[in-house]
PDB file of N, CA and C in Angstrom:
ATOM      1  N   MET A   1     -44.510  31.049 -16.356  1.00  0.00           N
ATOM      2  CA  MET A   1     -43.990  32.278 -15.858  1.00  0.00           C
ATOM      3  C   MET A   1     -43.855  32.443 -14.282  1.00  0.00           C
ATOM      4  N   ALA A   2     -42.741  32.996 -13.915  1.00  0.00           N
ATOM      5  CA  ALA A   2     -42.501  33.114 -12.327  1.00  0.00           C
ATOM      6  C   ALA A   2     -43.388  34.061 -11.521  1.00  0.00           C
ATOM      7  N   ARG A   3     -43.911  33.486 -10.587  1.00  0.00           N
ATOM      8  CA  ARG A   3     -44.877  33.975  -9.668  1.00  0.00           C
ATOM      9  C   ARG A   3     -44.627  35.503  -9.580  1.00  0.00           C
ATOM     10  N   ASN A   4     -43.522  35.998  -9.403  1.00  0.00           N
ATOM     11  CA  ASN A   4     -43.155  37.242  -9.065  1.00  0.00           C
ATOM     12  C   ASN A   4     -42.644  38.076 -10.269  1.00  0.00           C
ATOM     13  N   ALA A   5     -43.015  37.542 -11.456  1.00  0.00           N
ATOM     14  CA  ALA A   5     -42.355  38.401 -12.752  1.00  0.00           C
ATOM     15  C   ALA A   5     -43.022  39.601 -12.725  1.00  0.00           C
ATOM     16  N   LEU A   6     -42.575  40.589 -13.196  1.00  0.00           N
ATOM     17  CA  LEU A   6     -43.347  41.914 -13.440  1.00  0.00           C
ATOM     18  C   LEU A   6     -43.730  41.850 -14.713  1.00  0.00           C
ATOM     19  N   ALA A   7     -45.055  41.122 -15.045  1.00  0.00           N
ATOM     20  CA  ALA A   7     -45.582  41.233 -16.210  1.00  0.00           C
ATOM     21  C   ALA A   7     -47.051  41.847 -15.988  1.00  0.00           C
ATOM     22  N   GLY A   8     -47.614  42.246 -17.198  1.00  0.00           N
ATOM     23  CA  GLY A   8     -48.760  42.666 -16.983  1.00  0.00           C
ATOM     24  C   GLY A   8     -49.235  43.586 -16.047  1.00  0.00           C
ATOM     25  N   ARG A   9     -50.188  43.270 -15.270  1.00  0.00           N
ATOM     26  CA  ARG A   9     -50.555  44.272 -14.333  1.00  0.00           C
ATOM     27  C   ARG A   9     -49.467  44.775 -13.521  1.00  0.00           C
ATOM     28  N   LEU A  10     -48.735  43.927 -12.711  1.00  0.00           N
ATOM     29  CA  LEU A  10     -47.624  44.312 -12.009  1.00  0.00           C
ATOM     30  C   LEU A  10     -46.704  45.414 -12.897  1.00  0.00           C
ATOM     31  N   ALA A  11     -46.382  44.938 -14.005  1.00  0.00           N
ATOM     32  CA  ALA A  11     -45.762  46.191 -15.032  1.00  0.00           C
ATOM     33  C   ALA A  11     -46.587  47.522 -14.891  1.00  0.00           C
ATOM     34  N   ARG A  12     -47.757  47.292 -15.010  1.00  0.00           N
ATOM     35  CA  ARG A  12     -48.433  48.585 -14.952  1.00  0.00           C
ATOM     36  C   ARG A  12     -48.241  49.348 -13.884  1.00  0.00           C
ATOM     37  N   GLU A  13     -48.386  48.426 -12.777  1.00  0.00           N
ATOM     38  CA  GLU A  13     -48.403  48.979 -11.130  1.00  0.00           C
ATOM     39  C   GLU A  13     -46.999  49.815 -11.041  1.00  0.00           C
ATOM     40  N   ARG A  14     -46.097  48.894 -11.666  1.00  0.00           N
ATOM     41  CA  ARG A  14     -44.778  49.403 -11.704  1.00  0.00           C
ATOM     42  C   ARG A  14     -44.764  50.883 -11.958  1.00  0.00           C
ATOM     43  N   LYS A  15     -45.177  51.152 -13.295  1.00  0.00           N
ATOM     44  CA  LYS A  15     -45.393  52.272 -14.185  1.00  0.00           C
ATOM     45  C   LYS A  15     -46.076  53.335 -13.202  1.00  0.00           C
ATOM     46  N   THR A  16     -47.260  52.884 -12.884  1.00  0.00           N
ATOM     47  CA  THR A  16     -47.992  53.846 -11.921  1.00  0.00           C
ATOM     48  C   THR A  16     -47.111  54.574 -10.908  1.00  0.00           C
ATOM     49  N   ILE A  17     -46.554  53.669  -9.977  1.00  0.00           N
ATOM     50  CA  ILE A  17     -45.699  54.192  -8.870  1.00  0.00           C
ATOM     51  C   ILE A  17     -44.631  54.774  -9.452  1.00  0.00           C
ATOM     52  N   ASP A  18     -43.967  54.622 -10.376  1.00  0.00           N
ATOM     53  CA  ASP A  18     -43.032  55.352 -11.082  1.00  0.00           C
ATOM     54  C   ASP A  18     -43.254  56.931 -11.485  1.00  0.00           C
ATOM     55  N   ALA A  19     -44.589  56.936 -12.141  1.00  0.00           N
ATOM     56  CA  ALA A  19     -45.117  57.971 -12.678  1.00  0.00           C
ATOM     57  C   ALA A  19     -45.486  58.897 -11.313  1.00  0.00           C
ATOM     58  N   MET A  20     -46.222  58.146 -10.138  1.00  0.00           N
ATOM     59  CA  MET A  20     -46.157  59.125  -9.162  1.00  0.00           C
ATOM     60  C   MET A  20     -45.295  59.764  -8.285  1.00  0.00           C
ATOM     61  N   ILE A  21     -43.992  59.056  -8.270  1.00  0.00           N
ATOM     62  CA  ILE A  21     -42.979  59.267  -7.557  1.00  0.00           C
ATOM     63  C   ILE A  21     -42.347  60.457  -8.383  1.00  0.00           C
ATOM     64  N   ALA A  22     -42.359  60.430  -9.782  1.00  0.00           N
ATOM     65  CA  ALA A  22     -41.702  61.670 -10.702  1.00  0.00           C
ATOM     66  C   ALA A  22     -42.526  62.728 -10.600  1.00  0.00           C
ATOM     67  N   ILE A  23     -43.791  62.658 -10.406  1.00  0.00           N
ATOM     68  CA  ILE A  23     -44.532  63.766 -10.450  1.00  0.00           C
ATOM     69  C   ILE A  23     -44.208  64.616  -8.804  1.00  0.00           C
ATOM     70  N   ASP A  24     -44.238  63.783  -7.782  1.00  0.00           N
ATOM     71  CA  ASP A  24     -43.797  64.256  -6.481  1.00  0.00           C
ATOM     72  C   ASP A  24     -42.313  64.920  -6.517  1.00  0.00           C
ATOM     73  N   CYS A  25     -41.736  64.138  -6.978  1.00  0.00           N
ATOM     74  CA  CYS A  25     -40.171  64.781  -6.905  1.00  0.00           C
ATOM     75  C   CYS A  25     -39.790  66.001  -7.928  1.00  0.00           C
ATOM     76  N   ARG A  26     -40.359  65.929  -9.137  1.00  0.00           N
ATOM     77  CA  ARG A  26     -40.416  67.120  -9.852  1.00  0.00           C
ATOM     78  C   ARG A  26     -40.980  68.230  -9.165  1.00  0.00           C
ATOM     79  N   ASP A  27     -42.131  68.175  -8.768  1.00  0.00           N
ATOM     80  CA  ASP A  27     -43.068  69.339  -7.763  1.00  0.00           C
ATOM     81  C   ASP A  27     -42.518  69.856  -6.299  1.00  0.00           C
ATOM     82  N   VAL A  28     -42.061  68.551  -5.639  1.00  0.00           N
ATOM     83  CA  VAL A  28     -41.606  68.829  -4.246  1.00  0.00           C
ATOM     84  C   VAL A  28     -39.904  69.463  -4.100  1.00  0.00           C
ATOM     85  N   HIS A  29     -39.136  68.260  -5.197  1.00  0.00           N
ATOM     86  CA  HIS A  29     -37.853  68.691  -4.863  1.00  0.00           C
ATOM     87  C   HIS A  29     -37.234  69.355  -6.077  1.00  0.00           C
ATOM     88  N   GLY A  30     -37.980  69.425  -7.042  1.00  0.00           N
ATOM     89  CA  GLY A  30     -37.442  70.135  -8.451  1.00  0.00           C
ATOM     90  C   GLY A  30     -36.450  69.253  -9.251  1.00  0.00           C
ATOM     91  N   ALA A  31     -36.616  67.930  -9.094  1.00  0.00           N
ATOM     92  CA  ALA A  31     -35.679  66.979  -9.521  1.00  0.00           C
ATOM     93  C   ALA A  31     -36.342  66.002 -10.243  1.00  0.00           C
ATOM     94  N   THR A  32     -35.550  64.892 -10.528  1.00  0.00           N
ATOM     95  CA  THR A  32     -36.137  63.611 -11.167  1.00  0.00           C
ATOM     96  C   THR A  32     -35.732  62.484 -10.158  1.00  0.00           C
ATOM     97  N   PRO A  33     -36.416  61.188 -10.120  1.00  0.00           N
ATOM     98  CA  PRO A  33     -35.908  60.133  -9.090  1.00  0.00           C
ATOM     99  C   PRO A  33     -34.548  59.878  -9.459  1.00  0.00           C
ATOM    100  N   ALA A  34     -33.959  59.857 -10.747  1.00  0.00           N
ATOM    101  CA  ALA A  34     -32.833  59.176 -11.089  1.00  0.00           C
ATOM    102  C   ALA A  34     -31.569  60.619 -10.392  1.00  0.00           C
ATOM    103  N   SER A  35     -31.847  61.664 -10.161  1.00  0.00           N
ATOM    104  CA  SER A  35     -31.087  62.523  -9.823  1.00  0.00           C
ATOM    105  C   SER A  35     -31.061  62.907  -8.160  1.00  0.00           C
ATOM    106  N   CYS A  36     -32.289  62.334  -7.538  1.00  0.00           N
ATOM    107  CA  CYS A  36     -32.958  62.729  -6.230  1.00  0.00           C
ATOM    108  C   CYS A  36     -32.499  61.418  -5.757  1.00  0.00           C
ATOM    109  N   GLU A  37     -31.683  61.453  -4.543  1.00  0.00           N
ATOM    110  CA  GLU A  37     -31.571  60.300  -3.529  1.00  0.00           C
ATOM    111  C   GLU A  37     -32.772  59.567  -2.900  1.00  0.00           C
ATOM    112  N   ALA A  38     -33.187  60.684  -2.206  1.00  0.00           N
ATOM    113  CA  ALA A  38     -34.683  60.055  -1.274  1.00  0.00           C
ATOM    114  C   ALA A  38     -35.681  59.516  -2.347  1.00  0.00           C
ATOM    115  N   CYS A  39     -35.825  60.276  -3.540  1.00  0.00           N
ATOM    116  CA  CYS A  39     -37.030  59.400  -4.306  1.00  0.00           C
ATOM    117  C   CYS A  39     -36.477  58.199  -5.110  1.00  0.00           C
ATOM    118  N   GLY A  40     -35.119  58.281  -5.308  1.00  0.00           N
ATOM    119  CA  GLY A  40     -34.632  57.098  -6.261  1.00  0.00           C
ATOM    120  C   GLY A  40     -34.572  55.886  -5.092  1.00  0.00           C
ATOM    121  N   GLY A  41     -34.484  56.141  -3.975  1.00  0.00           N
ATOM    122  CA  GLY A  41     -34.442  55.150  -3.079  1.00  0.00           C
ATOM    123  C   GLY A  41     -35.893  54.445  -2.836  1.00  0.00           C
ATOM    124  N   LEU A  42     -36.890  55.380  -2.615  1.00  0.00           N
ATOM    125  CA  LEU A  42     -38.469  55.120  -2.727  1.00  0.00           C
ATOM    126  C   LEU A  42     -38.838  54.221  -3.826  1.00  0.00           C
ATOM    127  N   ARG A  43     -38.294  54.830  -4.820  1.00  0.00           N
ATOM    128  CA  ARG A  43     -38.681  53.871  -6.000  1.00  0.00           C
ATOM    129  C   ARG A  43     -37.926  52.309  -6.204  1.00  0.00           C
ATOM    130  N   ALA A  44     -36.784  52.348  -5.668  1.00  0.00           N
ATOM    131  CA  ALA A  44     -36.029  51.087  -5.500  1.00  0.00           C
ATOM    132  C   ALA A  44     -36.658  50.153  -4.683  1.00  0.00           C
ATOM    133  N   TYR A  45     -37.189  50.740  -3.618  1.00  0.00           N
ATOM    134  CA  TYR A  45     -38.175  50.061  -2.734  1.00  0.00           C
ATOM    135  C   TYR A  45     -39.399  49.480  -2.943  1.00  0.00           C
ATOM    136  N   ALA A  46     -40.361  50.560  -3.470  1.00  0.00           N
ATOM    137  CA  ALA A  46     -41.440  50.028  -4.265  1.00  0.00           C
ATOM    138  C   ALA A  46     -41.249  49.220  -5.420  1.00  0.00           C
ATOM    139  N   HIS A  47     -40.330  49.028  -6.026  1.00  0.00           N
ATOM    140  CA  HIS A  47     -39.662  48.112  -7.060  1.00  0.00           C
ATOM    141  C   HIS A  47     -39.771  46.754  -6.266  1.00  0.00           C
ATOM    142  N   ASP A  48     -38.814  46.645  -5.306  1.00  0.00           N
ATOM    143  CA  ASP A  48     -38.650  45.678  -4.463  1.00  0.00           C
ATOM    144  C   ASP A  48     -39.847  44.884  -4.016  1.00  0.00           C
ATOM    145  N   ARG A  49     -40.837  45.658  -3.406  1.00  0.00           N
ATOM    146  CA  ARG A  49     -42.016  45.154  -2.746  1.00  0.00           C
ATOM    147  C   ARG A  49     -42.876  44.411  -3.715  1.00  0.00           C
ATOM    148  N   LEU A  50     -42.734  45.198  -4.994  1.00  0.00           N
ATOM    149  CA  LEU A  50     -43.709  44.667  -6.109  1.00  0.00           C
ATOM    150  C   LEU A  50     -43.342  43.178  -6.607  1.00  0.00           C
ATOM    151  N   VAL A  51     -41.939  43.103  -6.474  1.00  0.00           N
ATOM    152  CA  VAL A  51     -41.492  41.845  -6.956  1.00  0.00           C
ATOM    153  C   VAL A  51     -41.372  40.780  -5.981  1.00  0.00           C
ATOM    154  N   LYS A  52     -41.625  41.216  -4.630  1.00  0.00           N
ATOM    155  CA  LYS A  52     -41.614  40.308  -3.131  1.00  0.00           C
ATOM    156  C   LYS A  52     -43.095  39.938  -3.093  1.00  0.00           C
ATOM    157  N   CYS A  53     -44.183  40.575  -3.722  1.00  0.00           N
ATOM    158  CA  CYS A  53     -45.608  40.431  -3.511  1.00  0.00           C
ATOM    159  C   CYS A  53     -45.946  38.998  -3.336  1.00  0.00           C
ATOM    160  N   PRO A  54     -46.163  38.419  -2.181  1.00  0.00           N
ATOM    161  CA  PRO A  54     -46.702  36.950  -1.907  1.00  0.00           C
ATOM    162  C   PRO A  54     -47.830  36.507  -2.490  1.00  0.00           C
ATOM    163  N   PHE A  55     -48.778  37.641  -3.103  1.00  0.00           N
ATOM    164  CA  PHE A  55     -49.691  37.267  -3.922  1.00  0.00           C
ATOM    165  C   PHE A  55     -49.412  37.246  -5.308  1.00  0.00           C
ATOM    166  N   GLY A  56     -48.280  37.622  -5.978  1.00  0.00           N
ATOM    167  CA  GLY A  56     -47.613  37.739  -7.481  1.00  0.00           C
ATOM    168  C   GLY A  56     -48.957  38.501  -8.290  1.00  0.00           C
ATOM    169  N   LEU A  57     -49.224  37.646  -9.239  1.00  0.00           N
ATOM    170  CA  LEU A  57     -50.163  38.194 -10.243  1.00  0.00           C
ATOM    171  C   LEU A  57     -51.627  38.601  -9.697  1.00  0.00           C
ATOM    172  N   ASP A  58     -51.937  37.796  -8.523  1.00  0.00           N
ATOM    173  CA  ASP A  58     -53.328  37.987  -7.938  1.00  0.00           C
ATOM    174  C   ASP A  58     -53.151  39.176  -6.786  1.00  0.00           C
ATOM    175  N   LYS A  59     -52.273  40.188  -6.902  1.00  0.00           N
ATOM    176  CA  LYS A  59     -51.882  41.133  -6.063  1.00  0.00           C
ATOM    177  C   LYS A  59     -53.075  42.101  -6.255  1.00  0.00           C
ATOM    178  N   PRO A  60     -53.771  42.638  -4.882  1.00  0.00           N
ATOM    179  CA  PRO A  60     -54.747  43.663  -4.867  1.00  0.00           C
ATOM    180  C   PRO A  60     -53.922  45.066  -4.732  1.00  0.00           C
ATOM    181  N   THR A  61     -54.669  45.931  -4.598  1.00  0.00           N
ATOM    182  CA  THR A  61     -54.033  47.195  -4.514  1.00  0.00           C
ATOM    183  C   THR A  61     -53.594  47.198  -3.248  1.00  0.00           C
ATOM    184  N   CYS A  62     -52.516  47.992  -2.753  1.00  0.00           N
ATOM    185  CA  CYS A  62     -51.837  47.802  -1.280  1.00  0.00           C
ATOM    186  C   CYS A  62     -52.638  48.416  -0.264  1.00  0.00           C
ATOM    187  N   LEU A  63     -53.981  49.345  -0.697  1.00  0.00           N
ATOM    188  CA  LEU A  63     -54.774  49.715   0.298  1.00  0.00           C
ATOM    189  C   LEU A  63     -55.830  48.622   0.921  1.00  0.00           C
ATOM    190  N   ASP A  64     -55.830  47.750  -0.398  1.00  0.00           N
ATOM    191  CA  ASP A  64     -57.108  46.723   0.269  1.00  0.00           C
ATOM    192  C   ASP A  64     -56.171  45.250   0.567  1.00  0.00           C
ATOM    193  N   CYS A  65     -54.855  45.267   0.622  1.00  0.00           N
ATOM    194  CA  CYS A  65     -54.097  44.179   0.867  1.00  0.00           C
ATOM    195  C   CYS A  65     -54.398  43.630   2.412  1.00  0.00           C
ATOM    196  N   THR A  66     -54.304  42.407   2.794  1.00  0.00           N
ATOM    197  CA  THR A  66     -54.242  41.789   3.835  1.00  0.00           C
ATOM    198  C   THR A  66     -52.901  41.574   4.320  1.00  0.00           C
ATOM    199  N   VAL A  67     -51.825  41.922   3.638  1.00  0.00           N
ATOM    200  CA  VAL A  67     -50.297  41.951   3.948  1.00  0.00           C
ATOM    201  C   VAL A  67     -49.717  43.275   3.504  1.00  0.00           C
ATOM    202  N   HIS A  68     -49.466  43.903   4.785  1.00  0.00           N
ATOM    203  CA  HIS A  68     -48.885  45.380   4.367  1.00  0.00           C
ATOM    204  C   HIS A  68     -47.067  45.335   4.575  1.00  0.00           C
ATOM    205  N   CYS A  69     -46.573  45.242   3.575  1.00  0.00           N
ATOM    206  CA  CYS A  69     -45.256  44.883   3.303  1.00  0.00           C
ATOM    207  C   CYS A  69     -44.347  46.072   3.108  1.00  0.00           C
ATOM    208  N   TYR A  70     -45.084  47.422   3.447  1.00  0.00           N
ATOM    209  CA  TYR A  70     -44.204  48.695   3.587  1.00  0.00           C
ATOM    210  C   TYR A  70     -44.074  48.902   5.018  1.00  0.00           C
ATOM    211  N   HIS A  71     -42.680  49.070   5.158  1.00  0.00           N
ATOM    212  CA  HIS A  71     -42.262  48.960   6.649  1.00  0.00           C
ATOM    213  C   HIS A  71     -42.559  50.751   7.088  1.00  0.00           C
ATOM    214  N   GLY A  72     -42.928  51.170   8.073  1.00  0.00           N
ATOM    215  CA  GLY A  72     -42.897  52.434   8.715  1.00  0.00           C
ATOM    216  C   GLY A  72     -42.542  53.600   7.706  1.00  0.00           C
ATOM    217  N   GLU A  73     -41.354  53.959   7.782  1.00  0.00           N
ATOM    218  CA  GLU A  73     -41.238  55.080   7.319  1.00  0.00           C
ATOM    219  C   GLU A  73     -41.633  55.096   5.712  1.00  0.00           C
ATOM    220  N   MET A  74     -40.997  54.016   5.151  1.00  0.00           N
ATOM    221  CA  MET A  74     -41.417  53.967   3.592  1.00  0.00           C
ATOM    222  C   MET A  74     -42.912  53.984   3.211  1.00  0.00           C
ATOM    223  N   ARG A  75     -43.794  53.451   4.117  1.00  0.00           N
ATOM    224  CA  ARG A  75     -45.233  53.526   4.064  1.00  0.00           C
ATOM    225  C   ARG A  75     -45.728  54.813   4.146  1.00  0.00           C
ATOM    226  N   GLU A  76     -45.014  55.708   5.247  1.00  0.00           N
ATOM    227  CA  GLU A  76     -45.556  56.933   5.247  1.00  0.00           C
ATOM    228  C   GLU A  76     -45.194  57.859   4.206  1.00  0.00           C
ATOM    229  N   ARG A  77     -44.038  57.625   3.566  1.00  0.00           N
ATOM    230  CA  ARG A  77     -43.478  58.147   2.362  1.00  0.00           C
ATOM    231  C   ARG A  77     -44.250  57.883   1.234  1.00  0.00           C
ATOM    232  N   VAL A  78     -44.712  56.825   0.864  1.00  0.00           N
ATOM    233  CA  VAL A  78     -45.358  56.440  -0.141  1.00  0.00           C
ATOM    234  C   VAL A  78     -46.902  57.086   0.119  1.00  0.00           C
ATOM    235  N   ARG A  79     -47.104  57.081   1.030  1.00  0.00           N
ATOM    236  CA  ARG A  79     -48.549  57.663   1.281  1.00  0.00           C
ATOM    237  C   ARG A  79     -48.531  59.361   0.815  1.00  0.00           C
ATOM    238  N   VAL A  80     -47.599  59.945   1.290  1.00  0.00           N
ATOM    239  CA  VAL A  80     -47.257  61.402   0.997  1.00  0.00           C
ATOM    240  C   VAL A  80     -47.215  61.686  -0.250  1.00  0.00           C
ATOM    241  N   VAL A  81     -46.483  60.665  -1.017  1.00  0.00           N
ATOM    242  CA  VAL A  81     -46.009  60.832  -2.534  1.00  0.00           C
ATOM    243  C   VAL A  81     -47.652  60.498  -3.405  1.00  0.00           C
ATOM    244  N   MET A  82     -48.528  59.746  -2.755  1.00  0.00           N
ATOM    245  CA  MET A  82     -49.707  59.287  -3.437  1.00  0.00           C
ATOM    246  C   MET A  82     -50.459  60.523  -3.102  1.00  0.00           C
ATOM    247  N   ARG A  83     -50.631  61.046  -2.016  1.00  0.00           N
ATOM    248  CA  ARG A  83     -51.657  62.227  -1.600  1.00  0.00           C
ATOM    249  C   ARG A  83     -51.220  63.486  -2.682  1.00  0.00           C
ATOM    250  N   HIS A  84     -49.861  63.530  -2.981  1.00  0.00           N
ATOM    251  CA  HIS A  84     -49.440  64.818  -3.849  1.00  0.00           C
ATOM    252  C   HIS A  84     -49.774  64.444  -5.132  1.00  0.00           C
ATOM    253  N   ALA A  85     -49.409  63.274  -5.785  1.00  0.00           N
ATOM    254  CA  ALA A  85     -49.268  62.725  -6.874  1.00  0.00           C
ATOM    255  C   ALA A  85     -50.714  62.474  -7.637  1.00  0.00           C
ATOM    256  N   GLY A  86     -51.578  61.749  -6.678  1.00  0.00           N
ATOM    257  CA  GLY A  86     -52.717  61.111  -7.312  1.00  0.00           C
ATOM    258  C   GLY A  86     -53.877  62.040  -7.956  1.00  0.00           C
ATOM    259  N   PRO A  87     -53.831  63.524  -7.096  1.00  0.00           N
ATOM    260  CA  PRO A  87     -54.866  64.238  -8.212  1.00  0.00           C
ATOM    261  C   PRO A  87     -54.195  64.865  -9.411  1.00  0.00           C
ATOM    262  N   ARG A  88     -52.906  64.796  -9.423  1.00  0.00           N
ATOM    263  CA  ARG A  88     -52.182  65.361 -10.686  1.00  0.00           C
ATOM    264  C   ARG A  88     -52.097  64.184 -11.734  1.00  0.00           C
ATOM    265  N   MET A  89     -52.255  62.916 -11.247  1.00  0.00           N
ATOM    266  CA  MET A  89     -51.880  61.895 -12.414  1.00  0.00           C
ATOM    267  C   MET A  89     -53.207  61.865 -13.314  1.00  0.00           C
ATOM    268  N   LEU A  90     -54.410  62.307 -13.356  1.00  0.00           N
ATOM    269  CA  LEU A  90     -55.431  62.174 -14.290  1.00  0.00           C
ATOM    270  C   LEU A  90     -55.197  62.935 -15.471  1.00  0.00           C
ATOM    271  N   LEU A  91     -54.457  64.250 -15.293  1.00  0.00           N
ATOM    272  CA  LEU A  91     -54.050  64.976 -16.361  1.00  0.00           C
ATOM    273  C   LEU A  91     -52.786  64.525 -16.969  1.00  0.00           C
ATOM    274  N   ARG A  92     -51.773  63.948 -16.174  1.00  0.00           N
ATOM    275  CA  ARG A  92     -50.648  63.805 -16.608  1.00  0.00           C
ATOM    276  C   ARG A  92     -50.484  62.385 -17.279  1.00  0.00           C
ATOM    277  N   HIS A  93     -51.268  61.277 -16.518  1.00  0.00           N
ATOM    278  CA  HIS A  93     -51.025  60.014 -17.031  1.00  0.00           C
ATOM    279  C   HIS A  93     -52.598  59.413 -17.162  1.00  0.00           C
ATOM    280  N   PRO A  94     -53.421  59.974 -17.891  1.00  0.00           N
ATOM    281  CA  PRO A  94     -54.791  59.594 -17.757  1.00  0.00           C
ATOM    282  C   PRO A  94     -55.200  58.003 -17.873  1.00  0.00           C
ATOM    283  N   ILE A  95     -54.358  57.620 -18.934  1.00  0.00           N
ATOM    284  CA  ILE A  95     -54.407  56.087 -18.947  1.00  0.00           C
ATOM    285  C   ILE A  95     -54.047  55.233 -17.781  1.00  0.00           C
ATOM    286  N   LEU A  96     -53.160  55.533 -17.254  1.00  0.00           N
ATOM    287  CA  LEU A  96     -52.776  54.847 -16.115  1.00  0.00           C
ATOM    288  C   LEU A  96     -53.679  54.863 -14.915  1.00  0.00           C
ATOM    289  N   THR A  97     -54.206  56.301 -14.739  1.00  0.00           N
ATOM    290  CA  THR A  97     -54.978  56.449 -13.577  1.00  0.00           C
ATOM    291  C   THR A  97     -56.367  55.811 -13.980  1.00  0.00           C
ATOM    292  N   LEU A  98     -56.698  56.141 -15.018  1.00  0.00           N
ATOM    293  CA  LEU A  98     -58.294  55.211 -15.223  1.00  0.00           C
ATOM    294  C   LEU A  98     -58.176  53.735 -15.131  1.00  0.00           C
ATOM    295  N   LEU A  99     -56.919  53.109 -15.771  1.00  0.00           N
ATOM    296  CA  LEU A  99     -56.907  51.659 -15.389  1.00  0.00           C
ATOM    297  C   LEU A  99     -57.032  51.320 -13.724  1.00  0.00           C
ATOM    298  N   HIS A 100     -55.999  52.178 -13.185  1.00  0.00           N
ATOM    299  CA  HIS A 100     -55.918  52.010 -11.873  1.00  0.00           C
ATOM    300  C   HIS A 100     -57.101  52.285 -11.122  1.00  0.00           C
ATOM    301  N   LEU A 101     -57.987  53.270 -11.232  1.00  0.00           N
ATOM    302  CA  LEU A 101     -59.124  53.632 -10.669  1.00  0.00           C
ATOM    303  C   LEU A 101     -60.372  52.552 -10.970  1.00  0.00           C
ATOM    304  N   TYR A 102     -60.236  52.051 -12.317  1.00  0.00           N
ATOM    305  CA  TYR A 102     -61.364  51.137 -12.942  1.00  0.00           C
ATOM    306  C   TYR A 102     -61.157  49.884 -12.482  1.00  0.00           C
ATOM    307  N   TRP A 103     -59.863  49.454 -12.779  1.00  0.00           N
ATOM    308  CA  TRP A 103     -59.650  48.004 -12.986  1.00  0.00           C
ATOM    309  C   TRP A 103     -59.032  47.629 -11.649  1.00  0.00           C
ATOM    310  N   ASP A 104     -57.931  48.046 -11.060  1.00  0.00           N
ATOM    311  CA  ASP A 104     -57.254  47.711  -9.796  1.00  0.00           C
ATOM    312  C   ASP A 104     -57.790  47.916  -8.861  1.00  0.00           C
ATOM    313  N   SER A 105     -58.728  49.061  -8.312  1.00  0.00           N
ATOM    314  CA  SER A 105     -59.358  49.080  -7.332  1.00  0.00           C
ATOM    315  C   SER A 105     -60.608  48.182  -7.104  1.00  0.00           C
ATOM    316  N   ARG A 106     -60.882  47.532  -7.858  1.00  0.00           N
ATOM    317  CA  ARG A 106     -62.028  46.422  -7.998  1.00  0.00           C
ATOM    318  C   ARG A 106     -61.499  44.896  -7.718  1.00  0.00           C
ATOM    319  N   ARG A 107     -60.154  44.898  -7.575  1.00  0.00           N
ATOM    320  CA  ARG A 107     -59.608  43.611  -7.134  1.00  0.00           C
ATOM    321  C   ARG A 107     -59.786  43.458  -5.629  1.00  0.00           C
ATOM    322  N   VAL A 108     -60.272  42.301  -5.287  1.00  0.00           N
ATOM    323  CA  VAL A 108     -60.620  41.761  -3.936  1.00  0.00           C
ATOM    324  C   VAL A 108     -59.208  41.154  -3.274  1.00  0.00           C
ATOM    325  N   ALA A 109     -58.790  41.386  -2.162  1.00  0.00           N
ATOM    326  CA  ALA A 109     -57.789  40.790  -1.765  1.00  0.00           C
ATOM    327  C   ALA A 109     -57.970  39.517  -1.549  1.00  0.00           C
ATOM    328  N   PRO A 110     -56.687  38.610  -2.006  1.00  0.00           N
ATOM    329  CA  PRO A 110     -57.064  36.742  -1.856  1.00  0.00           C
ATOM    330  C   PRO A 110     -56.682  36.534  -0.430  1.00  0.00           C
ATOM    331  N   PRO A 111     -57.286  35.495  -0.079  1.00  0.00           N
ATOM    332  CA  PRO A 111     -56.993  35.322   1.386  1.00  0.00           C
ATOM    333  C   PRO A 111     -55.561  34.666   1.724  1.00  0.00           C
ATOM    334  N   LEU A 112     -55.336  35.106   3.044  1.00  0.00           N
ATOM    335  CA  LEU A 112     -53.821  34.877   3.279  1.00  0.00           C
ATOM    336  C   LEU A 112     -53.864  33.557   3.776  1.00  0.00           C
ATOM    337  N   THR A 113     -52.827  32.807   3.020  1.00  0.00           N
ATOM    338  CA  THR A 113     -52.818  31.606   3.347  1.00  0.00           C
ATOM    339  C   THR A 113     -51.283  31.121   3.687  1.00  0.00           C
ATOM    340  N   ALA A 114     -50.924  30.106   4.177  1.00  0.00           N
ATOM    341  CA  ALA A 114     -49.443  29.661   4.565  1.00  0.00           C
ATOM    342  C   ALA A 114     -48.508  30.081   3.278  1.00  0.00           C
ATOM    343  N   ALA A 115     -49.082  29.637   1.861  1.00  0.00           N
ATOM    344  CA  ALA A 115     -48.056  30.030   1.057  1.00  0.00           C
ATOM    345  C   ALA A 115     -47.897  31.166   0.676  1.00  0.00           C
ATOM    346  N   THR A 116     -48.961  32.361   1.010  1.00  0.00           N
ATOM    347  CA  THR A 116     -48.803  33.708   0.708  1.00  0.00           C
ATOM    348  C   THR A 116     -48.443  34.384   2.038  1.00  0.00           C
ATOM    349  N   ARG A 117     -48.292  34.004   3.222  1.00  0.00           N
ATOM    350  CA  ARG A 117     -47.729  34.540   4.353  1.00  0.00           C
ATOM    351  C   ARG A 117     -46.506  35.083   4.196  1.00  0.00           C
ATOM    352  N   PRO A 118     -45.877  36.186   4.213  1.00  0.00           N
ATOM    353  CA  PRO A 118     -44.673  36.379   4.016  1.00  0.00           C
ATOM    354  C   PRO A 118     -43.669  36.229   5.368  1.00  0.00           C
ATOM    355  N   GLY A 119     -42.531  35.881   5.122  1.00  0.00           N
ATOM    356  CA  GLY A 119     -41.588  35.677   6.366  1.00  0.00           C
ATOM    357  C   GLY A 119     -41.291  37.042   6.991  1.00  0.00           C
ATOM    358  N   ARG A 120     -41.052  37.278   8.024  1.00  0.00           N
ATOM    359  CA  ARG A 120     -40.848  38.447   8.821  1.00  0.00           C
ATOM    360  C   ARG A 120     -39.969  38.200   9.571  1.00  0.00           C
TER     361      ARG A 120
END
């Protein structure tokens, strides 16, 4: 399997960020990411970052990562989305939330090596 294939845990992370963006878009913009240009762009950017993660399947949560690949404005936009959607996730997507809180938050960031160092 390719290092950056979205399988297993990475596929679940993709579902989690999709759910969070959908909650935020519906509550804040009254739309869906498919019909909202701003949220659709953020969703595409988040998917791109997951595919290009230098750690691949060993990826830690972004908060605990040694490489912050979200750039400026997008990083702040994701932070705002997570602040809004995070508390609502437990009621709307309990399994994704529990897996993220229990399993993903325990992942230790792997050491940054020449192989995992992103080219900027």
